[in-house]
Amino acid sequence: MRELIVHPTIKIKDKRKLKVKVLINSGCTNTTIARKTVEEKEIPTKLLPKPFNVYNLDRSRNGEKVIREFVPLEINSNRHIKQIDVVVSKIKKTDLFLGHD
């Protein structure tokens, strides 16, 4: 599988704009933001109405185990703008995994 990394700008609910590192074609089902990024940048989260289990590509349990939070944000990459709710989980080497959602 080939992967691509891009550096778009995201806009969060409080109108701050942040440059992030995004992995495309990660194999991830849901677009996911790193818990570390959320904590370091003090990005506000919301609780999911229905939490769900999370698994890695190799079907092992992710360190987060259950996804409980999400962040509503806007992704802007080369003037392509998309509003999306991204789940919060422990991911490494990047700020965001762009999923199939």
N, C-alpha and C. Protein backbone atom coordinates (compact mmCIF):
# COMPACT_ATOMS: atom_id res chain seq x y z
N MET A 1 0.85 -1.16 0.00
CA MET A 1 0.00 0.00 0.00
C MET A 1 0.90 1.24 0.00
N ARG A 2 0.58 2.19 -0.85
CA ARG A 2 1.32 3.44 -0.93
C ARG A 2 0.69 4.49 -0.04
N GLU A 3 1.51 5.27 0.63
CA GLU A 3 1.01 6.30 1.52
C GLU A 3 1.46 7.66 1.03
N LEU A 4 0.68 8.68 1.34
CA LEU A 4 0.97 10.05 0.96
C LEU A 4 0.79 10.93 2.18
N ILE A 5 1.74 11.82 2.41
CA ILE A 5 1.64 12.76 3.53
C ILE A 5 1.47 14.16 2.96
N VAL A 6 0.47 14.90 3.48
CA VAL A 6 0.23 16.28 3.10
C VAL A 6 0.19 17.13 4.36
N HIS A 7 0.27 18.45 4.17
CA HIS A 7 0.28 19.37 5.32
C HIS A 7 -0.80 20.44 5.15
N PRO A 8 -2.08 20.06 5.29
CA PRO A 8 -3.15 21.04 5.15
C PRO A 8 -3.32 21.89 6.40
N THR A 9 -4.19 22.86 6.30
CA THR A 9 -4.57 23.67 7.44
C THR A 9 -5.92 23.17 7.93
N ILE A 10 -6.07 23.07 9.25
CA ILE A 10 -7.38 22.73 9.80
C ILE A 10 -7.87 23.92 10.59
N LYS A 11 -9.18 24.09 10.60
CA LYS A 11 -9.79 25.15 11.41
C LYS A 11 -10.69 24.46 12.42
N ILE A 12 -10.49 24.81 13.69
CA ILE A 12 -11.28 24.17 14.74
C ILE A 12 -12.38 25.12 15.20
N LYS A 13 -13.23 24.63 16.07
CA LYS A 13 -14.43 25.35 16.48
C LYS A 13 -14.16 26.77 16.98
N ASP A 14 -13.05 26.97 17.68
CA ASP A 14 -12.75 28.30 18.21
C ASP A 14 -12.10 29.21 17.16
N LYS A 15 -12.15 28.78 15.89
CA LYS A 15 -11.69 29.54 14.72
C LYS A 15 -10.17 29.58 14.55
N ARG A 16 -9.43 28.88 15.43
CA ARG A 16 -7.98 28.81 15.23
C ARG A 16 -7.67 27.97 14.00
N LYS A 17 -6.62 28.37 13.29
CA LYS A 17 -6.16 27.61 12.13
C LYS A 17 -4.81 27.00 12.49
N LEU A 18 -4.68 25.70 12.24
CA LEU A 18 -3.47 24.96 12.59
C LEU A 18 -2.96 24.19 11.38
N LYS A 19 -1.66 24.20 11.16
CA LYS A 19 -1.04 23.39 10.12
C LYS A 19 -0.77 22.03 10.72
N VAL A 20 -1.19 20.96 10.04
CA VAL A 20 -1.02 19.61 10.57
C VAL A 20 -0.42 18.69 9.51
N LYS A 21 0.10 17.57 9.98
CA LYS A 21 0.65 16.52 9.11
C LYS A 21 -0.42 15.44 8.98
N VAL A 22 -0.82 15.13 7.73
CA VAL A 22 -1.90 14.18 7.48
C VAL A 22 -1.41 13.02 6.63
N LEU A 23 -1.71 11.81 7.07
CA LEU A 23 -1.40 10.61 6.30
C LEU A 23 -2.64 10.20 5.52
N ILE A 24 -2.49 10.12 4.20
CA ILE A 24 -3.57 9.69 3.31
C ILE A 24 -3.32 8.23 2.94
N ASN A 25 -4.39 7.48 2.73
CA ASN A 25 -4.30 6.07 2.38
C ASN A 25 -3.69 5.26 3.52
N SER A 26 -4.12 5.55 4.71
CA SER A 26 -3.62 4.87 5.90
C SER A 26 -4.30 3.53 6.13
N GLY A 27 -5.42 3.29 5.43
CA GLY A 27 -6.20 2.08 5.67
C GLY A 27 -7.18 2.28 6.81
N CYS A 28 -7.21 3.47 7.37
CA CYS A 28 -8.07 3.80 8.50
C CYS A 28 -9.52 3.98 8.03
N THR A 29 -10.47 3.41 8.75
CA THR A 29 -11.88 3.55 8.41
C THR A 29 -12.38 4.96 8.71
N ASN A 30 -12.07 5.46 9.89
CA ASN A 30 -12.52 6.79 10.31
C ASN A 30 -11.35 7.77 10.29
N THR A 31 -11.61 8.99 9.86
CA THR A 31 -10.58 10.03 9.96
C THR A 31 -10.32 10.25 11.44
N THR A 32 -9.04 10.24 11.81
CA THR A 32 -8.64 10.24 13.22
C THR A 32 -7.60 11.30 13.49
N ILE A 33 -7.76 12.02 14.59
CA ILE A 33 -6.76 12.99 15.03
C ILE A 33 -6.04 12.42 16.24
N ALA A 34 -4.74 12.65 16.31
CA ALA A 34 -3.92 12.11 17.41
C ALA A 34 -4.28 12.78 18.73
N ARG A 35 -4.46 11.95 19.74
CA ARG A 35 -4.75 12.48 21.08
C ARG A 35 -3.65 13.46 21.50
N LYS A 36 -2.40 13.15 21.18
CA LYS A 36 -1.27 14.02 21.52
C LYS A 36 -1.45 15.41 20.89
N THR A 37 -1.88 15.46 19.64
CA THR A 37 -2.11 16.74 18.95
C THR A 37 -3.23 17.51 19.64
N VAL A 38 -4.32 16.82 19.98
CA VAL A 38 -5.45 17.44 20.66
C VAL A 38 -5.00 18.05 21.99
N GLU A 39 -4.21 17.31 22.74
CA GLU A 39 -3.76 17.80 24.04
C GLU A 39 -2.76 18.95 23.90
N GLU A 40 -1.76 18.80 23.02
CA GLU A 40 -0.74 19.84 22.85
C GLU A 40 -1.31 21.15 22.32
N LYS A 41 -2.26 21.06 21.40
CA LYS A 41 -2.84 22.26 20.78
C LYS A 41 -4.10 22.73 21.50
N GLU A 42 -4.46 22.03 22.58
CA GLU A 42 -5.65 22.36 23.38
C GLU A 42 -6.90 22.47 22.51
N ILE A 43 -7.11 21.46 21.69
CA ILE A 43 -8.27 21.42 20.80
C ILE A 43 -9.47 20.86 21.57
N PRO A 44 -10.57 21.59 21.61
CA PRO A 44 -11.74 21.10 22.36
C PRO A 44 -12.38 19.89 21.66
N THR A 45 -12.83 18.95 22.46
CA THR A 45 -13.47 17.74 21.94
C THR A 45 -14.92 17.68 22.39
N LYS A 46 -15.67 16.79 21.73
CA LYS A 46 -17.05 16.51 22.12
C LYS A 46 -17.15 15.00 22.33
N LEU A 47 -18.12 14.59 23.15
CA LEU A 47 -18.35 13.16 23.37
C LEU A 47 -19.19 12.58 22.25
N LEU A 48 -18.81 11.39 21.80
CA LEU A 48 -19.61 10.67 20.80
C LEU A 48 -20.90 10.18 21.45
N PRO A 49 -22.01 10.22 20.74
CA PRO A 49 -23.25 9.69 21.31
C PRO A 49 -23.17 8.19 21.55
N LYS A 50 -22.36 7.50 20.71
CA LYS A 50 -22.22 6.05 20.85
C LYS A 50 -20.74 5.69 20.66
N PRO A 51 -19.98 5.51 21.77
CA PRO A 51 -18.57 5.12 21.66
C PRO A 51 -18.43 3.78 20.94
N PHE A 52 -17.25 3.54 20.33
CA PHE A 52 -17.03 2.28 19.62
C PHE A 52 -15.59 1.80 19.81
N ASN A 53 -15.40 0.48 19.66
CA ASN A 53 -14.09 -0.13 19.80
C ASN A 53 -13.22 0.23 18.61
N VAL A 54 -11.89 0.25 18.83
CA VAL A 54 -10.97 0.58 17.75
C VAL A 54 -9.89 -0.49 17.67
N TYR A 55 -9.57 -0.84 16.43
CA TYR A 55 -8.56 -1.87 16.16
C TYR A 55 -7.53 -1.33 15.18
N ASN A 56 -6.32 -1.84 15.28
CA ASN A 56 -5.26 -1.49 14.35
C ASN A 56 -5.43 -2.31 13.07
N LEU A 57 -4.62 -1.99 12.07
CA LEU A 57 -4.70 -2.68 10.78
C LEU A 57 -4.49 -4.18 10.93
N ASP A 58 -3.64 -4.58 11.88
CA ASP A 58 -3.37 -6.00 12.09
C ASP A 58 -4.41 -6.67 13.00
N ARG A 59 -5.51 -5.99 13.25
CA ARG A 59 -6.63 -6.44 14.07
C ARG A 59 -6.35 -6.49 15.58
N SER A 60 -5.19 -5.97 16.01
CA SER A 60 -4.92 -5.88 17.44
C SER A 60 -5.66 -4.65 17.98
N ARG A 61 -5.92 -4.64 19.28
CA ARG A 61 -6.62 -3.51 19.90
C ARG A 61 -5.70 -2.31 19.93
N ASN A 62 -6.23 -1.16 19.58
CA ASN A 62 -5.49 0.09 19.66
C ASN A 62 -5.33 0.45 21.13
N GLY A 63 -4.29 1.20 21.45
CA GLY A 63 -4.05 1.61 22.84
C GLY A 63 -5.22 2.37 23.44
N GLU A 64 -5.99 3.04 22.59
CA GLU A 64 -7.15 3.82 23.05
C GLU A 64 -8.31 2.90 23.44
N LYS A 65 -8.37 1.71 22.87
CA LYS A 65 -9.39 0.68 23.10
C LYS A 65 -10.79 1.10 22.65
N VAL A 66 -11.32 2.19 23.23
CA VAL A 66 -12.67 2.65 22.88
C VAL A 66 -12.58 4.12 22.48
N ILE A 67 -13.18 4.46 21.34
CA ILE A 67 -13.24 5.84 20.88
C ILE A 67 -14.45 6.49 21.53
N ARG A 68 -14.22 7.58 22.27
CA ARG A 68 -15.29 8.26 23.01
C ARG A 68 -15.47 9.72 22.60
N GLU A 69 -14.46 10.29 21.91
CA GLU A 69 -14.49 11.71 21.61
C GLU A 69 -14.28 11.98 20.12
N PHE A 70 -14.73 13.16 19.70
CA PHE A 70 -14.48 13.61 18.34
C PHE A 70 -14.24 15.11 18.33
N VAL A 71 -13.71 15.59 17.22
CA VAL A 71 -13.45 17.01 17.02
C VAL A 71 -14.10 17.42 15.70
N PRO A 72 -15.03 18.37 15.73
CA PRO A 72 -15.54 18.90 14.47
C PRO A 72 -14.51 19.88 13.91
N LEU A 73 -14.12 19.70 12.66
CA LEU A 73 -13.14 20.62 12.08
C LEU A 73 -13.33 20.78 10.60
N GLU A 74 -12.59 21.73 10.06
CA GLU A 74 -12.60 22.01 8.63
C GLU A 74 -11.18 21.79 8.12
N ILE A 75 -11.03 20.98 7.10
CA ILE A 75 -9.72 20.71 6.50
C ILE A 75 -9.63 21.50 5.20
N ASN A 76 -8.53 22.24 5.04
CA ASN A 76 -8.32 23.03 3.83
C ASN A 76 -6.98 22.63 3.23
N SER A 77 -7.02 22.00 2.05
CA SER A 77 -5.82 21.59 1.36
C SER A 77 -5.91 22.06 -0.09
N ASN A 78 -5.04 23.00 -0.44
CA ASN A 78 -5.05 23.56 -1.80
C ASN A 78 -6.43 24.03 -2.22
N ARG A 79 -7.08 24.76 -1.34
CA ARG A 79 -8.41 25.35 -1.57
C ARG A 79 -9.54 24.32 -1.63
N HIS A 80 -9.24 23.06 -1.38
CA HIS A 80 -10.30 22.05 -1.25
C HIS A 80 -10.67 22.02 0.23
N ILE A 81 -11.90 22.42 0.54
CA ILE A 81 -12.34 22.55 1.94
C ILE A 81 -13.39 21.49 2.25
N LYS A 82 -13.19 20.81 3.38
CA LYS A 82 -14.14 19.77 3.79
C LYS A 82 -14.40 19.91 5.29
N GLN A 83 -15.69 19.91 5.67
CA GLN A 83 -16.10 19.89 7.08
C GLN A 83 -16.25 18.43 7.47
N ILE A 84 -15.64 18.07 8.60
CA ILE A 84 -15.67 16.66 9.00
C ILE A 84 -15.54 16.54 10.51
N ASP A 85 -16.17 15.52 11.06
CA ASP A 85 -15.98 15.18 12.47
C ASP A 85 -14.92 14.09 12.51
N VAL A 86 -13.84 14.32 13.25
CA VAL A 86 -12.75 13.34 13.33
C VAL A 86 -12.68 12.78 14.74
N VAL A 87 -12.50 11.46 14.83
CA VAL A 87 -12.41 10.83 16.14
C VAL A 87 -11.02 11.02 16.72
N VAL A 88 -10.94 10.94 18.03
CA VAL A 88 -9.68 11.14 18.76
C VAL A 88 -9.16 9.79 19.22
N SER A 89 -7.89 9.49 18.89
CA SER A 89 -7.29 8.22 19.30
C SER A 89 -5.78 8.36 19.35
N LYS A 90 -5.12 7.37 19.91
CA LYS A 90 -3.66 7.35 19.95
C LYS A 90 -3.15 6.90 18.59
N ILE A 91 -2.49 7.81 17.87
CA ILE A 91 -1.83 7.47 16.62
C ILE A 91 -0.42 8.05 16.67
N LYS A 92 0.48 7.47 15.89
CA LYS A 92 1.88 7.88 15.93
C LYS A 92 2.32 8.44 14.59
N LYS A 93 3.37 9.23 14.61
CA LYS A 93 4.09 9.73 13.44
C LYS A 93 3.34 10.76 12.61
N THR A 94 2.11 11.09 12.96
CA THR A 94 1.34 12.08 12.20
C THR A 94 0.27 12.67 13.10
N ASP A 95 -0.31 13.79 12.67
CA ASP A 95 -1.37 14.42 13.46
C ASP A 95 -2.74 13.85 13.12
N LEU A 96 -2.92 13.45 11.86
CA LEU A 96 -4.22 13.00 11.39
C LEU A 96 -4.07 11.85 10.42
N PHE A 97 -4.96 10.87 10.54
CA PHE A 97 -5.11 9.83 9.52
C PHE A 97 -6.37 10.19 8.75
N LEU A 98 -6.28 10.32 7.45
CA LEU A 98 -7.47 10.56 6.64
C LEU A 98 -8.09 9.21 6.33
N GLY A 99 -9.31 8.99 6.82
CA GLY A 99 -9.96 7.69 6.68
C GLY A 99 -10.86 7.62 5.47
N HIS A 100 -11.63 6.54 5.40
CA HIS A 100 -12.55 6.30 4.28
C HIS A 100 -13.86 7.03 4.43
N ASP A 101 -14.08 7.71 5.55
CA ASP A 101 -15.37 8.38 5.79
C ASP A 101 -15.53 9.66 5.06
